[in-house]
């Protein structure tokens, strides 16, 4: 899941609807300063049935856990000895956003190209569109939050305008739709 402006509330609406037995890991990129992502993760963990945690370098992805990218850093998914693992780095060249949705999507496309559901929620700019395009071309699904329920319809609009979305939906239906799809 990838989010930006206006998204803490939107992300909460999606994650609280996921059951404790959710069968896949969730990787979340929230454009947020590093001083806030730890507390944000803890608050979501208290409200959700799934586990929510701020991601750490070397975390092995587990079913039913949402990993929030640390603010001010880049988060990538790698496959090490057959296990999906998170790599957290301070920065990469030519990246405006830290964390960057494009960086994470691109890394996911390298390890599980056709087995990803990418959901883009409210946010400014177009971060995520390049990576979502790669995922779409590899056979993954891309969903977007609709304009009516967004605080800022930038990031979702970019992927809708790129013609790569399978679904465009209201924030209130995304969580249940994810559960049905997975």
Protein backbone atom coordinates (compact mmCIF):
# COMPACT_ATOMS: atom_id res chain seq x y z
CA UNK A 1 0.00 0.00 0.00
CA UNK A 2 1.36 3.40 -0.89
CA UNK A 3 0.17 6.68 0.49
CA UNK A 4 0.93 10.34 1.05
CA UNK A 5 -1.00 13.51 1.98
CA UNK A 6 -4.21 12.80 3.88
CA UNK A 7 -3.41 9.18 4.17
CA UNK A 8 -2.91 8.33 7.84
CA UNK A 9 -6.71 8.26 8.21
CA UNK A 10 -7.22 6.49 4.86
CA UNK A 11 -4.56 3.90 5.70
CA UNK A 12 -6.17 3.30 9.09
CA UNK A 13 -9.55 2.68 7.41
CA UNK A 14 -8.00 0.02 5.19
CA UNK A 15 -5.82 -1.74 7.77
CA UNK A 16 -8.41 -1.97 10.57
CA UNK A 17 -10.65 -3.98 8.25
CA UNK A 18 -8.09 -6.73 7.68
CA UNK A 19 -8.59 -9.93 9.71
CA UNK A 20 -5.98 -11.28 12.12
CA UNK A 21 -5.56 -14.25 9.79
CA UNK A 22 -4.70 -12.09 6.75
CA UNK A 23 -2.71 -14.50 4.55
CA UNK A 24 -0.04 -12.21 3.07
CA UNK A 25 2.46 -9.58 4.24
CA UNK A 26 1.74 -5.90 3.62
CA UNK A 27 4.39 -3.32 2.78
CA UNK A 28 3.35 0.30 3.39
CA UNK A 29 5.06 3.43 2.11
CA UNK A 30 3.74 6.55 3.85
CA UNK A 31 5.35 9.88 3.00
CA UNK A 32 6.07 10.92 6.59
CA UNK A 33 9.14 12.18 8.48
CA UNK A 34 11.18 9.59 10.36
CA UNK A 35 10.30 11.13 13.70
CA UNK A 36 6.66 10.09 13.20
CA UNK A 37 6.66 6.64 11.57
CA UNK A 38 7.49 4.71 14.76
CA UNK A 39 4.65 6.26 16.77
CA UNK A 40 2.31 6.01 13.76
CA UNK A 41 3.08 2.28 13.46
CA UNK A 42 2.49 1.71 17.18
CA UNK A 43 -0.86 3.53 17.08
CA UNK A 44 -2.02 1.48 14.08
CA UNK A 45 -0.85 -1.72 15.78
CA UNK A 46 -3.13 -0.94 18.73
CA UNK A 47 -6.12 -0.37 16.44
CA UNK A 48 -5.70 -3.26 14.00
CA UNK A 49 -6.26 -7.00 14.18
CA UNK A 50 -3.12 -7.59 12.11
CA UNK A 51 0.30 -6.66 13.47
CA UNK A 52 1.64 -3.28 12.33
CA UNK A 53 5.27 -2.32 12.85
CA UNK A 54 7.85 0.14 11.65
CA UNK A 55 10.04 -1.82 9.24
CA UNK A 56 13.63 -2.63 10.16
CA UNK A 57 16.51 -3.69 7.95
CA UNK A 58 16.51 -7.48 7.65
CA UNK A 59 12.84 -8.01 8.61
CA UNK A 60 11.57 -11.21 7.03
CA UNK A 61 8.09 -10.64 5.62
CA UNK A 62 5.40 -12.59 7.48
CA UNK A 63 1.73 -13.13 6.72
CA UNK A 64 -0.63 -10.80 8.57
CA UNK A 65 2.00 -8.15 9.30
CA UNK A 66 2.04 -4.62 7.86
CA UNK A 67 5.52 -3.10 7.63
CA UNK A 68 5.59 0.72 7.60
CA UNK A 69 8.64 2.18 5.85
CA UNK A 70 10.75 4.33 8.18
CA UNK A 71 10.46 8.00 7.23
CA UNK A 72 13.54 9.52 5.64
CA UNK A 73 14.80 6.15 4.35
CA UNK A 74 14.24 3.87 1.38
CA UNK A 75 12.66 0.44 1.77
CA UNK A 76 13.19 -2.36 -0.72
CA UNK A 77 12.07 -5.98 -0.84
CA UNK A 78 14.68 -8.62 -1.63
CA UNK A 79 14.58 -12.40 -1.82
CA UNK A 80 17.30 -13.98 0.32
CA UNK A 81 17.46 -17.78 0.48
CA UNK A 82 13.87 -17.93 -0.78
CA UNK A 83 12.57 -15.54 1.92
CA UNK A 84 11.21 -12.06 1.18
CA UNK A 85 13.26 -9.68 3.30
CA UNK A 86 13.29 -5.91 3.78
CA UNK A 87 16.33 -3.80 3.04
CA UNK A 88 16.32 -0.32 4.57
CA UNK A 89 18.88 2.20 3.32
CA UNK A 90 19.45 5.85 4.10
CA UNK A 91 19.22 7.09 0.56
CA UNK A 92 19.59 6.32 -3.10
CA UNK A 93 20.70 8.73 -5.82
CA UNK A 94 18.10 10.89 -7.59
CA UNK A 95 15.23 10.24 -5.16
CA UNK A 96 12.99 13.14 -4.15
CA UNK A 97 10.86 11.11 -1.75
CA UNK A 98 12.22 9.22 1.24
CA UNK A 99 10.62 6.75 1.39
CA UNK A 100 9.77 6.48 -2.29
CA UNK A 101 6.94 4.35 -3.60
CA UNK A 102 8.75 3.93 -6.93
CA UNK A 103 11.82 2.49 -5.17
CA UNK A 104 9.73 -0.05 -3.27
CA UNK A 105 7.52 -1.00 -6.22
CA UNK A 106 10.57 -1.47 -8.45
CA UNK A 107 12.21 -3.77 -5.89
CA UNK A 108 9.00 -5.79 -5.50
CA UNK A 109 8.76 -6.13 -9.28
CA UNK A 110 12.19 -7.79 -9.28
CA UNK A 111 11.25 -10.51 -6.75
CA UNK A 112 7.48 -11.14 -7.12
CA UNK A 113 6.54 -9.46 -10.40
CA UNK A 114 3.17 -11.09 -11.04
CA UNK A 115 2.10 -11.75 -7.45
CA UNK A 116 1.48 -8.28 -6.09
CA UNK A 117 -1.59 -6.18 -5.37
CA UNK A 118 -0.49 -2.54 -5.39
CA UNK A 119 -2.97 -0.11 -3.82
CA UNK A 120 -2.34 3.62 -4.19
CA UNK A 121 -4.17 5.90 -1.78
CA UNK A 122 -4.53 9.68 -1.46
CA UNK A 123 -1.38 11.77 -1.91
CA UNK A 124 0.38 14.57 -3.74
CA UNK A 125 2.50 14.09 -6.83
CA UNK A 126 3.05 10.98 -8.93
CA UNK A 127 5.41 8.90 -6.77
CA UNK A 128 4.55 5.27 -7.45
CA UNK A 129 3.41 5.63 -11.04
CA UNK A 130 6.67 4.38 -12.58
CA UNK A 131 6.88 1.41 -10.23
CA UNK A 132 3.17 0.62 -10.58
CA UNK A 133 3.60 0.62 -14.36
CA UNK A 134 6.39 -1.96 -14.02
CA UNK A 135 4.20 -4.12 -11.77
CA UNK A 136 1.24 -3.82 -14.13
CA UNK A 137 3.36 -4.83 -17.13
CA UNK A 138 4.55 -7.88 -15.16
CA UNK A 139 0.99 -9.01 -14.44
CA UNK A 140 0.39 -7.60 -10.97
CA UNK A 141 -2.84 -5.81 -10.05
CA UNK A 142 -2.95 -2.06 -9.42
CA UNK A 143 -5.84 -0.38 -7.60
CA UNK A 144 -6.43 3.30 -6.86
CA UNK A 145 -8.50 5.25 -4.39
CA UNK A 146 -11.21 7.27 -6.13
CA UNK A 147 -11.08 11.05 -6.38
CA UNK A 148 -14.22 11.59 -4.27
CA UNK A 149 -12.69 9.97 -1.16
CA UNK A 150 -9.16 11.41 -1.53
CA UNK A 151 -7.84 14.41 0.38
CA UNK A 152 -5.42 14.96 -2.53
CA UNK A 153 -6.02 13.12 -5.79
CA UNK A 154 -2.44 13.24 -7.11
CA UNK A 155 -0.85 9.81 -6.70
CA UNK A 156 -4.05 7.87 -7.51
CA UNK A 157 -4.75 10.17 -10.47
CA UNK A 158 -1.29 9.50 -11.89
CA UNK A 159 -1.85 5.75 -12.05
CA UNK A 160 -5.43 6.16 -13.29
CA UNK A 161 -4.22 8.52 -16.04
CA UNK A 162 -1.51 5.98 -16.94
CA UNK A 163 -4.28 3.45 -17.65
CA UNK A 164 -2.86 0.75 -15.38
CA UNK A 165 -5.59 0.41 -12.74
CA UNK A 166 -7.80 -2.63 -12.50
CA UNK A 167 -10.07 -0.94 -9.92
CA UNK A 168 -10.75 2.59 -8.72
CA UNK A 169 -12.72 2.61 -5.49
CA UNK A 170 -13.87 4.53 -2.45
CA UNK A 171 -11.65 4.31 0.63
CA UNK A 172 -14.50 2.70 2.58
CA UNK A 173 -14.53 -0.36 0.28
CA UNK A 174 -10.81 -0.91 -0.27
CA UNK A 175 -10.17 -3.02 2.86
CA UNK A 176 -13.02 -5.45 2.19
CA UNK A 177 -12.05 -5.62 -1.48
CA UNK A 178 -8.48 -6.53 -0.53
CA UNK A 179 -9.73 -9.32 1.75
CA UNK A 180 -11.96 -10.70 -1.04
CA UNK A 181 -9.17 -10.53 -3.62
CA UNK A 182 -6.47 -12.10 -1.44
